Amino acid sequence: MTTATATLPNLTAGTWAIDTVHSTVGFSVRHLMVSKVRGTFNDFTGAITVAEDGTAAVTAEIQVASIDTKNTDRDAHIKSADFFDAEQYPTATFTSTAVRAKGDDYVVEGEFTLHGVTRPVELALEFNGVNPGMGNGPVAGFEATTVLNRKDFGITIDMPLEGGGAVVGDKITITLEIEAGLQA
């Protein structure tokens, strides 16, 4: 269970399941040192569990083979042993360890596992509030970001450019847009 040093206002105790139809797990990475490639993962699950005392836990799982960069050849290469090695490491997971206030926003600390390597990460979290929903119970919205170094997770392929730099940058910006519904 995550330690709560800050509570999210109006978030009722219970399990809030991520609505994958209304949520996005996205990323961007520097390409050829001059632009960015953006993509999403289309198969993911997760939940925010809030206890009566305000303690919260966040868990998430991503099927890395669900990557979509709008280029099937590139996606196949990213799934290969050069990058994700999706056959051997089919999932990426996150388990929170703490939530703390930072100004008007929050930081979610946790353990992220990718490519068989687990590292501590911090997500900058913006809580967008709670809405009564459309007949299926209340929904809450969140936006979160973090920056990871792919080499920290054992994804060390280097594809140097002739003039210097690399085809793919080391830093990956992860952007989450989450809608979660309170489960009955």
N, C-alpha and C. Protein backbone atom coordinates (compact mmCIF):
# COMPACT_ATOMS: atom_id res chain seq x y z
N MET A 1 0.85 -1.18 0.00
CA MET A 1 0.00 0.00 0.00
C MET A 1 0.89 1.24 0.00
N THR A 2 0.47 2.24 -0.68
CA THR A 2 1.24 3.47 -0.77
C THR A 2 1.01 4.32 0.46
N THR A 3 2.05 5.00 0.90
CA THR A 3 1.88 5.93 1.99
C THR A 3 1.32 7.23 1.43
N ALA A 4 0.36 7.79 2.11
CA ALA A 4 -0.26 9.02 1.64
C ALA A 4 0.19 10.17 2.52
N THR A 5 1.03 11.00 1.96
CA THR A 5 1.40 12.21 2.67
C THR A 5 0.54 13.35 2.16
N ALA A 6 -0.26 13.07 1.16
CA ALA A 6 -1.21 14.03 0.63
C ALA A 6 -2.42 13.24 0.14
N THR A 7 -3.60 13.79 0.32
CA THR A 7 -4.79 13.12 -0.18
C THR A 7 -5.36 13.92 -1.34
N LEU A 8 -5.96 13.23 -2.27
CA LEU A 8 -6.57 13.88 -3.42
C LEU A 8 -8.00 14.24 -3.04
N PRO A 9 -8.37 15.51 -3.17
CA PRO A 9 -9.70 15.94 -2.72
C PRO A 9 -10.82 15.26 -3.50
N ASN A 10 -11.88 14.93 -2.80
CA ASN A 10 -13.11 14.37 -3.38
C ASN A 10 -12.94 12.98 -3.99
N LEU A 11 -11.85 12.30 -3.67
CA LEU A 11 -11.64 10.96 -4.19
C LEU A 11 -12.13 9.96 -3.14
N THR A 12 -13.31 9.39 -3.38
CA THR A 12 -13.96 8.47 -2.47
C THR A 12 -13.13 7.20 -2.28
N ALA A 13 -13.13 6.67 -1.06
CA ALA A 13 -12.43 5.41 -0.79
C ALA A 13 -13.01 4.31 -1.67
N GLY A 14 -12.14 3.46 -2.15
CA GLY A 14 -12.53 2.36 -3.02
C GLY A 14 -11.51 2.17 -4.12
N THR A 15 -11.86 1.32 -5.07
CA THR A 15 -10.97 1.06 -6.20
C THR A 15 -11.47 1.83 -7.41
N TRP A 16 -10.59 2.62 -7.98
CA TRP A 16 -10.86 3.39 -9.19
C TRP A 16 -10.12 2.71 -10.33
N ALA A 17 -10.86 2.07 -11.23
CA ALA A 17 -10.24 1.34 -12.34
C ALA A 17 -10.01 2.28 -13.51
N ILE A 18 -8.85 2.14 -14.14
CA ILE A 18 -8.56 2.96 -15.31
C ILE A 18 -9.48 2.55 -16.45
N ASP A 19 -10.14 3.54 -17.03
CA ASP A 19 -11.00 3.35 -18.19
C ASP A 19 -10.11 3.45 -19.42
N THR A 20 -9.77 2.32 -20.01
CA THR A 20 -8.80 2.32 -21.11
C THR A 20 -9.35 2.96 -22.38
N VAL A 21 -10.66 3.07 -22.49
CA VAL A 21 -11.26 3.72 -23.66
C VAL A 21 -11.06 5.23 -23.59
N HIS A 22 -11.00 5.78 -22.39
CA HIS A 22 -10.88 7.22 -22.20
C HIS A 22 -9.54 7.62 -21.59
N SER A 23 -8.53 6.78 -21.75
CA SER A 23 -7.20 7.04 -21.20
C SER A 23 -6.15 6.78 -22.27
N THR A 24 -5.00 7.40 -22.10
CA THR A 24 -3.89 7.24 -23.04
C THR A 24 -2.59 7.07 -22.28
N VAL A 25 -1.80 6.10 -22.71
CA VAL A 25 -0.42 5.94 -22.25
C VAL A 25 0.46 6.27 -23.45
N GLY A 26 1.09 7.44 -23.39
CA GLY A 26 1.87 7.91 -24.52
C GLY A 26 3.32 8.15 -24.18
N PHE A 27 4.13 8.33 -25.21
CA PHE A 27 5.55 8.61 -25.01
C PHE A 27 6.07 9.40 -26.19
N SER A 28 7.21 10.03 -25.98
CA SER A 28 7.95 10.66 -27.07
C SER A 28 9.43 10.47 -26.82
N VAL A 29 10.18 10.38 -27.92
CA VAL A 29 11.63 10.18 -27.85
C VAL A 29 12.27 10.95 -29.01
N ARG A 30 13.43 11.50 -28.76
CA ARG A 30 14.16 12.25 -29.78
C ARG A 30 14.54 11.30 -30.93
N HIS A 31 14.35 11.78 -32.17
CA HIS A 31 14.67 11.01 -33.37
C HIS A 31 15.61 11.83 -34.24
N LEU A 32 16.73 11.25 -34.60
CA LEU A 32 17.74 11.90 -35.45
C LEU A 32 18.22 13.23 -34.87
N MET A 33 18.06 13.38 -33.57
CA MET A 33 18.52 14.55 -32.82
C MET A 33 17.75 15.84 -33.13
N VAL A 34 16.79 15.80 -34.05
CA VAL A 34 16.13 17.04 -34.46
C VAL A 34 14.61 17.03 -34.31
N SER A 35 14.02 15.87 -34.12
CA SER A 35 12.56 15.80 -34.00
C SER A 35 12.21 14.75 -32.95
N LYS A 36 10.93 14.52 -32.79
CA LYS A 36 10.48 13.51 -31.83
C LYS A 36 9.53 12.53 -32.51
N VAL A 37 9.66 11.28 -32.12
CA VAL A 37 8.68 10.26 -32.49
C VAL A 37 7.76 10.11 -31.30
N ARG A 38 6.47 10.08 -31.57
CA ARG A 38 5.47 9.90 -30.52
C ARG A 38 4.74 8.58 -30.75
N GLY A 39 4.30 8.00 -29.66
CA GLY A 39 3.56 6.76 -29.78
C GLY A 39 2.70 6.52 -28.56
N THR A 40 1.95 5.44 -28.63
CA THR A 40 1.08 5.05 -27.52
C THR A 40 1.20 3.54 -27.31
N PHE A 41 0.73 3.12 -26.15
CA PHE A 41 0.52 1.71 -25.87
C PHE A 41 -0.98 1.52 -25.79
N ASN A 42 -1.50 0.56 -26.54
CA ASN A 42 -2.95 0.41 -26.66
C ASN A 42 -3.55 -0.65 -25.74
N ASP A 43 -2.72 -1.41 -25.05
CA ASP A 43 -3.22 -2.45 -24.15
C ASP A 43 -2.60 -2.25 -22.77
N PHE A 44 -3.40 -1.75 -21.86
CA PHE A 44 -2.92 -1.47 -20.50
C PHE A 44 -4.08 -1.57 -19.53
N THR A 45 -3.74 -1.80 -18.27
CA THR A 45 -4.73 -1.83 -17.19
C THR A 45 -4.14 -1.12 -15.99
N GLY A 46 -5.00 -0.74 -15.08
CA GLY A 46 -4.49 -0.12 -13.86
C GLY A 46 -5.62 0.27 -12.93
N ALA A 47 -5.23 0.61 -11.71
CA ALA A 47 -6.21 1.00 -10.70
C ALA A 47 -5.55 1.90 -9.66
N ILE A 48 -6.38 2.74 -9.09
CA ILE A 48 -6.01 3.55 -7.93
C ILE A 48 -6.91 3.07 -6.80
N THR A 49 -6.30 2.57 -5.74
CA THR A 49 -7.07 2.08 -4.60
C THR A 49 -6.88 3.06 -3.45
N VAL A 50 -8.01 3.61 -2.98
CA VAL A 50 -7.98 4.61 -1.90
C VAL A 50 -8.63 4.00 -0.67
N ALA A 51 -7.89 3.97 0.44
CA ALA A 51 -8.40 3.45 1.71
C ALA A 51 -9.17 4.54 2.44
N GLU A 52 -9.95 4.15 3.44
CA GLU A 52 -10.73 5.11 4.24
C GLU A 52 -9.84 6.17 4.89
N ASP A 53 -8.60 5.79 5.24
CA ASP A 53 -7.70 6.75 5.89
C ASP A 53 -6.95 7.64 4.90
N GLY A 54 -7.27 7.51 3.61
CA GLY A 54 -6.63 8.34 2.60
C GLY A 54 -5.40 7.72 1.98
N THR A 55 -4.96 6.59 2.52
CA THR A 55 -3.82 5.91 1.93
C THR A 55 -4.21 5.43 0.54
N ALA A 56 -3.30 5.58 -0.39
CA ALA A 56 -3.62 5.22 -1.77
C ALA A 56 -2.55 4.33 -2.36
N ALA A 57 -2.95 3.52 -3.31
CA ALA A 57 -2.02 2.68 -4.06
C ALA A 57 -2.38 2.75 -5.53
N VAL A 58 -1.36 2.84 -6.36
CA VAL A 58 -1.55 2.87 -7.80
C VAL A 58 -0.80 1.69 -8.39
N THR A 59 -1.49 0.94 -9.23
CA THR A 59 -0.85 -0.15 -9.96
C THR A 59 -1.22 -0.04 -11.43
N ALA A 60 -0.29 -0.42 -12.29
CA ALA A 60 -0.57 -0.39 -13.72
C ALA A 60 0.27 -1.44 -14.42
N GLU A 61 -0.26 -1.94 -15.52
CA GLU A 61 0.47 -2.91 -16.33
C GLU A 61 0.24 -2.56 -17.80
N ILE A 62 1.33 -2.56 -18.56
CA ILE A 62 1.30 -2.24 -19.98
C ILE A 62 1.81 -3.45 -20.75
N GLN A 63 1.08 -3.85 -21.78
CA GLN A 63 1.56 -4.88 -22.70
C GLN A 63 2.44 -4.17 -23.73
N VAL A 64 3.76 -4.38 -23.65
CA VAL A 64 4.67 -3.59 -24.49
C VAL A 64 4.49 -3.89 -25.97
N ALA A 65 4.00 -5.06 -26.33
CA ALA A 65 3.77 -5.38 -27.74
C ALA A 65 2.63 -4.58 -28.34
N SER A 66 1.90 -3.84 -27.51
CA SER A 66 0.79 -3.01 -28.01
C SER A 66 1.27 -1.63 -28.46
N ILE A 67 2.58 -1.44 -28.56
CA ILE A 67 3.13 -0.15 -28.98
C ILE A 67 2.61 0.23 -30.36
N ASP A 68 2.34 1.51 -30.54
CA ASP A 68 1.83 2.03 -31.81
C ASP A 68 2.48 3.38 -32.08
N THR A 69 3.41 3.41 -33.05
CA THR A 69 4.04 4.67 -33.45
C THR A 69 3.59 5.09 -34.84
N LYS A 70 2.54 4.44 -35.35
CA LYS A 70 1.99 4.70 -36.68
C LYS A 70 2.96 4.28 -37.79
N ASN A 71 3.86 3.34 -37.46
CA ASN A 71 4.80 2.80 -38.45
C ASN A 71 5.05 1.34 -38.06
N THR A 72 4.48 0.40 -38.80
CA THR A 72 4.54 -1.01 -38.41
C THR A 72 5.97 -1.56 -38.40
N ASP A 73 6.81 -1.12 -39.35
CA ASP A 73 8.20 -1.59 -39.35
C ASP A 73 8.93 -1.11 -38.10
N ARG A 74 8.75 0.15 -37.74
CA ARG A 74 9.40 0.69 -36.53
C ARG A 74 8.86 -0.03 -35.30
N ASP A 75 7.53 -0.23 -35.25
CA ASP A 75 6.94 -0.92 -34.10
C ASP A 75 7.54 -2.33 -33.95
N ALA A 76 7.70 -3.03 -35.06
CA ALA A 76 8.29 -4.38 -35.01
C ALA A 76 9.72 -4.32 -34.48
N HIS A 77 10.48 -3.31 -34.89
CA HIS A 77 11.86 -3.18 -34.41
C HIS A 77 11.87 -2.88 -32.91
N ILE A 78 10.97 -2.02 -32.45
CA ILE A 78 10.92 -1.68 -31.02
C ILE A 78 10.53 -2.90 -30.18
N LYS A 79 9.68 -3.76 -30.72
CA LYS A 79 9.28 -4.98 -30.01
C LYS A 79 10.40 -6.02 -29.98
N SER A 80 11.37 -5.89 -30.87
CA SER A 80 12.43 -6.89 -31.00
C SER A 80 13.41 -6.84 -29.84
N ALA A 81 14.36 -7.78 -29.84
CA ALA A 81 15.38 -7.85 -28.79
C ALA A 81 16.28 -6.62 -28.77
N ASP A 82 16.31 -5.83 -29.85
CA ASP A 82 17.10 -4.59 -29.85
C ASP A 82 16.58 -3.59 -28.82
N PHE A 83 15.27 -3.61 -28.58
CA PHE A 83 14.66 -2.65 -27.67
C PHE A 83 13.92 -3.37 -26.54
N PHE A 84 12.61 -3.54 -26.67
CA PHE A 84 11.79 -4.09 -25.59
C PHE A 84 11.99 -5.58 -25.36
N ASP A 85 12.33 -6.32 -26.40
CA ASP A 85 12.37 -7.77 -26.31
C ASP A 85 11.04 -8.28 -25.74
N ALA A 86 9.97 -7.92 -26.45
CA ALA A 86 8.60 -8.16 -25.96
C ALA A 86 8.29 -9.64 -25.73
N GLU A 87 8.98 -10.53 -26.43
CA GLU A 87 8.74 -11.96 -26.18
C GLU A 87 9.21 -12.36 -24.79
N GLN A 88 10.38 -11.87 -24.40
CA GLN A 88 10.93 -12.22 -23.09
C GLN A 88 10.36 -11.36 -21.97
N TYR A 89 10.08 -10.08 -22.27
CA TYR A 89 9.58 -9.13 -21.26
C TYR A 89 8.28 -8.51 -21.78
N PRO A 90 7.17 -9.23 -21.71
CA PRO A 90 5.93 -8.76 -22.35
C PRO A 90 5.25 -7.59 -21.66
N THR A 91 5.58 -7.32 -20.39
CA THR A 91 4.87 -6.26 -19.68
C THR A 91 5.84 -5.25 -19.07
N ALA A 92 5.32 -4.05 -18.91
CA ALA A 92 5.94 -3.02 -18.07
C ALA A 92 4.95 -2.79 -16.94
N THR A 93 5.45 -2.62 -15.71
CA THR A 93 4.54 -2.46 -14.57
C THR A 93 4.97 -1.27 -13.71
N PHE A 94 3.98 -0.71 -13.03
CA PHE A 94 4.23 0.37 -12.07
C PHE A 94 3.47 0.05 -10.80
N THR A 95 4.14 0.21 -9.66
CA THR A 95 3.52 0.08 -8.34
C THR A 95 3.96 1.27 -7.51
N SER A 96 3.01 2.04 -7.03
CA SER A 96 3.35 3.25 -6.27
C SER A 96 3.86 2.91 -4.88
N THR A 97 4.66 3.83 -4.34
CA THR A 97 5.15 3.70 -2.97
C THR A 97 4.79 4.90 -2.11
N ALA A 98 4.46 6.05 -2.73
CA ALA A 98 4.09 7.25 -1.97
C ALA A 98 3.40 8.25 -2.89
N VAL A 99 2.56 9.07 -2.29
CA VAL A 99 1.93 10.21 -2.97
C VAL A 99 2.18 11.42 -2.09
N ARG A 100 2.70 12.49 -2.69
CA ARG A 100 2.94 13.70 -1.89
C ARG A 100 2.53 14.94 -2.68
N ALA A 101 2.12 15.95 -1.92
CA ALA A 101 1.73 17.22 -2.53
C ALA A 101 2.98 17.97 -2.98
N LYS A 102 2.82 18.69 -4.09
CA LYS A 102 3.88 19.57 -4.58
C LYS A 102 3.18 20.79 -5.16
N GLY A 103 3.06 21.84 -4.33
CA GLY A 103 2.29 23.00 -4.74
C GLY A 103 0.83 22.61 -4.89
N ASP A 104 0.23 22.97 -6.02
CA ASP A 104 -1.16 22.61 -6.30
C ASP A 104 -1.28 21.21 -6.90
N ASP A 105 -0.16 20.58 -7.18
CA ASP A 105 -0.17 19.27 -7.83
C ASP A 105 0.41 18.22 -6.89
N TYR A 106 0.77 17.08 -7.45
CA TYR A 106 1.22 15.95 -6.64
C TYR A 106 2.39 15.25 -7.32
N VAL A 107 3.09 14.45 -6.54
CA VAL A 107 4.13 13.56 -7.05
C VAL A 107 3.77 12.15 -6.60
N VAL A 108 3.77 11.23 -7.54
CA VAL A 108 3.55 9.82 -7.22
C VAL A 108 4.90 9.12 -7.39
N GLU A 109 5.39 8.57 -6.29
CA GLU A 109 6.65 7.82 -6.31
C GLU A 109 6.32 6.35 -6.45
N GLY A 110 7.18 5.62 -7.14
CA GLY A 110 6.92 4.20 -7.27
C GLY A 110 8.04 3.45 -7.94
N GLU A 111 7.79 2.18 -8.16
CA GLU A 111 8.74 1.28 -8.81
C GLU A 111 8.20 0.94 -10.19
N PHE A 112 9.02 1.19 -11.21
CA PHE A 112 8.65 0.91 -12.59
C PHE A 112 9.55 -0.20 -13.10
N THR A 113 8.93 -1.22 -13.68
CA THR A 113 9.69 -2.34 -14.24
C THR A 113 9.48 -2.37 -15.74
N LEU A 114 10.60 -2.37 -16.46
CA LEU A 114 10.60 -2.43 -17.92
C LEU A 114 11.80 -3.26 -18.34
N HIS A 115 11.60 -4.16 -19.28
CA HIS A 115 12.72 -4.94 -19.83
C HIS A 115 13.41 -5.74 -18.73
N GLY A 116 12.65 -6.15 -17.71
CA GLY A 116 13.18 -6.95 -16.62
C GLY A 116 13.96 -6.18 -15.57
N VAL A 117 13.97 -4.85 -15.66
CA VAL A 117 14.71 -4.00 -14.73
C VAL A 117 13.72 -3.13 -13.97
N THR A 118 13.86 -3.08 -12.64
CA THR A 118 12.99 -2.25 -11.80
C THR A 118 13.79 -1.08 -11.27
N ARG A 119 13.21 0.12 -11.42
CA ARG A 119 13.86 1.35 -10.95
C ARG A 119 12.81 2.23 -10.28
N PRO A 120 13.25 3.04 -9.31
CA PRO A 120 12.33 4.03 -8.74
C PRO A 120 12.07 5.15 -9.75
N VAL A 121 10.83 5.60 -9.81
CA VAL A 121 10.48 6.73 -10.67
C VAL A 121 9.54 7.66 -9.91
N GLU A 122 9.49 8.89 -10.36
CA GLU A 122 8.53 9.87 -9.84
C GLU A 122 7.70 10.39 -11.01
N LEU A 123 6.40 10.41 -10.81
CA LEU A 123 5.48 10.96 -11.79
C LEU A 123 4.95 12.29 -11.27
N ALA A 124 5.07 13.33 -12.07
CA ALA A 124 4.42 14.60 -11.76
C ALA A 124 2.95 14.43 -12.10
N LEU A 125 2.07 14.63 -11.12
CA LEU A 125 0.64 14.34 -11.28
C LEU A 125 -0.20 15.59 -11.12
N GLU A 126 -1.07 15.79 -12.09
CA GLU A 126 -2.10 16.82 -11.98
C GLU A 126 -3.43 16.11 -11.80
N PHE A 127 -4.12 16.43 -10.72
CA PHE A 127 -5.43 15.84 -10.45
C PHE A 127 -6.47 16.77 -11.06
N ASN A 128 -7.24 16.27 -12.03
CA ASN A 128 -8.21 17.09 -12.75
C ASN A 128 -9.58 17.14 -12.09
N GLY A 129 -9.77 16.37 -11.03
CA GLY A 129 -11.04 16.41 -10.31
C GLY A 129 -11.88 15.18 -10.52
N VAL A 130 -13.09 15.25 -9.95
CA VAL A 130 -14.04 14.15 -10.00
C VAL A 130 -15.33 14.67 -10.62
N ASN A 131 -15.96 13.83 -11.43
CA ASN A 131 -17.23 14.16 -12.07
C ASN A 131 -18.21 13.05 -11.73
N PRO A 132 -19.51 13.38 -11.55
CA PRO A 132 -20.48 12.33 -11.23
C PRO A 132 -20.59 11.23 -12.28
N GLY A 133 -20.09 11.48 -13.48
CA GLY A 133 -20.14 10.46 -14.53
C GLY A 133 -21.44 10.49 -15.30
N MET A 134 -21.62 9.49 -16.14
CA MET A 134 -22.79 9.44 -17.02
C MET A 134 -23.64 8.20 -16.73
N GLY A 135 -23.94 7.99 -15.45
CA GLY A 135 -24.81 6.89 -15.08
C GLY A 135 -24.11 5.65 -14.57
N ASN A 136 -22.79 5.60 -14.69
CA ASN A 136 -22.05 4.42 -14.21
C ASN A 136 -21.22 4.73 -12.99
N GLY A 137 -21.50 5.83 -12.33
CA GLY A 137 -20.74 6.20 -11.14
C GLY A 137 -19.70 7.26 -11.43
N PRO A 138 -19.08 7.76 -10.38
CA PRO A 138 -18.14 8.87 -10.53
C PRO A 138 -16.87 8.48 -11.28
N VAL A 139 -16.30 9.47 -11.96
CA VAL A 139 -15.03 9.30 -12.66
C VAL A 139 -14.07 10.39 -12.19
N ALA A 140 -12.80 10.05 -12.17
CA ALA A 140 -11.75 11.00 -11.80
C ALA A 140 -10.76 11.10 -12.94
N GLY A 141 -10.16 12.28 -13.08
CA GLY A 141 -9.20 12.49 -14.15
C GLY A 141 -7.84 12.88 -13.61
N PHE A 142 -6.81 12.39 -14.29
CA PHE A 142 -5.43 12.65 -13.89
C PHE A 142 -4.58 12.82 -15.15
N GLU A 143 -3.55 13.64 -15.03
CA GLU A 143 -2.51 13.70 -16.05
C GLU A 143 -1.19 13.55 -15.33
N ALA A 144 -0.30 12.75 -15.88
CA ALA A 144 0.99 12.51 -15.23
C ALA A 144 2.08 12.43 -16.28
N THR A 145 3.28 12.87 -15.89
CA THR A 145 4.43 12.79 -16.78
C THR A 145 5.67 12.38 -15.99
N THR A 146 6.58 11.77 -16.70
CA THR A 146 7.91 11.48 -16.16
C THR A 146 8.86 11.34 -17.33
N VAL A 147 10.13 11.42 -17.05
CA VAL A 147 11.17 11.21 -18.06
C VAL A 147 12.05 10.06 -17.58
N LEU A 148 12.22 9.07 -18.45
CA LEU A 148 13.04 7.90 -18.15
C LEU A 148 14.22 7.86 -19.11
N ASN A 149 15.31 7.30 -18.64
CA ASN A 149 16.44 7.02 -19.52
C ASN A 149 16.37 5.54 -19.89
N ARG A 150 16.20 5.26 -21.16
CA ARG A 150 16.01 3.87 -21.60
C ARG A 150 17.19 2.98 -21.19
N LYS A 151 18.38 3.55 -21.13
CA LYS A 151 19.56 2.76 -20.78
C LYS A 151 19.52 2.30 -19.32
N ASP A 152 18.81 3.04 -18.46
CA ASP A 152 18.63 2.62 -17.07
C ASP A 152 17.85 1.32 -16.97
N PHE A 153 17.12 0.97 -18.04
CA PHE A 153 16.30 -0.23 -18.05
C PHE A 153 16.89 -1.31 -18.97
N GLY A 154 18.18 -1.18 -19.26
CA GLY A 154 18.85 -2.20 -20.05
C GLY A 154 18.59 -2.14 -21.54
N ILE A 155 17.97 -1.06 -22.01
CA ILE A 155 17.74 -0.89 -23.45
C ILE A 155 18.87 0.00 -23.95
N THR A 156 19.97 -0.64 -24.33
CA THR A 156 21.23 0.08 -24.53
C THR A 156 21.65 0.19 -25.98
N ILE A 157 20.83 -0.23 -26.91
CA ILE A 157 21.21 -0.16 -28.32
C ILE A 157 21.60 1.29 -28.67
N ASP A 158 22.71 1.41 -29.37
CA ASP A 158 23.14 2.71 -29.87
C ASP A 158 23.19 2.62 -31.39
N MET A 159 22.58 3.59 -32.03
CA MET A 159 22.62 3.67 -33.48
C MET A 159 23.17 5.05 -33.82
N PRO A 160 24.52 5.18 -33.80
CA PRO A 160 25.12 6.50 -33.99
C PRO A 160 24.90 7.04 -35.40
N LEU A 161 24.79 8.36 -35.47
CA LEU A 161 24.71 9.05 -36.75
C LEU A 161 26.11 9.39 -37.20
N GLU A 162 26.31 9.44 -38.49
CA GLU A 162 27.63 9.72 -39.05
C GLU A 162 28.19 11.05 -38.56
N GLY A 163 27.36 12.06 -38.43
CA GLY A 163 27.82 13.38 -38.00
C GLY A 163 27.79 13.59 -36.50
N GLY A 164 27.52 12.55 -35.74
CA GLY A 164 27.41 12.67 -34.29
C GLY A 164 25.96 12.52 -33.84
N GLY A 165 25.78 12.20 -32.61
CA GLY A 165 24.44 11.98 -32.08
C GLY A 165 23.97 10.57 -32.38
N ALA A 166 22.69 10.34 -32.20
CA ALA A 166 22.14 9.00 -32.38
C ALA A 166 20.78 9.06 -33.05
N VAL A 167 20.40 7.95 -33.68
CA VAL A 167 19.10 7.84 -34.32
C VAL A 167 17.99 8.00 -33.29
N VAL A 168 18.17 7.36 -32.12
CA VAL A 168 17.17 7.38 -31.06
C VAL A 168 17.79 7.96 -29.80
N GLY A 169 17.11 8.92 -29.18
CA GLY A 169 17.60 9.51 -27.94
C GLY A 169 17.49 8.54 -26.77
N ASP A 170 18.19 8.88 -25.71
CA ASP A 170 18.15 8.06 -24.49
C ASP A 170 16.95 8.39 -23.61
N LYS A 171 16.53 9.66 -23.60
CA LYS A 171 15.46 10.10 -22.71
C LYS A 171 14.10 9.89 -23.36
N ILE A 172 13.22 9.24 -22.61
CA ILE A 172 11.86 8.96 -23.06
C ILE A 172 10.90 9.72 -22.15
N THR A 173 10.08 10.58 -22.73
CA THR A 173 9.06 11.28 -21.96
C THR A 173 7.77 10.46 -21.99
N ILE A 174 7.29 10.10 -20.82
CA ILE A 174 6.05 9.33 -20.68
C ILE A 174 4.94 10.30 -20.28
N THR A 175 3.81 10.24 -20.98
CA THR A 175 2.67 11.10 -20.69
C THR A 175 1.43 10.23 -20.52
N LEU A 176 0.79 10.37 -19.37
CA LEU A 176 -0.42 9.60 -19.07
C LEU A 176 -1.61 10.54 -18.97
N GLU A 177 -2.67 10.22 -19.66
CA GLU A 177 -3.95 10.91 -19.51
C GLU A 177 -4.94 9.84 -19.07
N ILE A 178 -5.36 9.95 -17.82
CA ILE A 178 -6.11 8.85 -17.19
C ILE A 178 -7.50 9.31 -16.75
N GLU A 179 -8.48 8.49 -17.11
CA GLU A 179 -9.83 8.61 -16.54
C GLU A 179 -10.08 7.29 -15.82
N ALA A 180 -10.48 7.39 -14.57
CA ALA A 180 -10.72 6.20 -13.76
C ALA A 180 -12.10 6.26 -13.14
N GLY A 181 -12.78 5.13 -13.12
CA GLY A 181 -14.12 5.06 -12.57
C GLY A 181 -14.15 4.29 -11.26
N LEU A 182 -14.92 4.80 -10.31
CA LEU A 182 -15.08 4.13 -9.02
C LEU A 182 -15.87 2.85 -9.23
N GLN A 183 -15.31 1.73 -8.80
CA GLN A 183 -15.95 0.43 -8.96
C GLN A 183 -16.96 0.20 -7.85
N ALA A 184 -18.08 -0.40 -8.22
CA ALA A 184 -19.15 -0.66 -7.24
C ALA A 184 -18.78 -1.78 -6.32
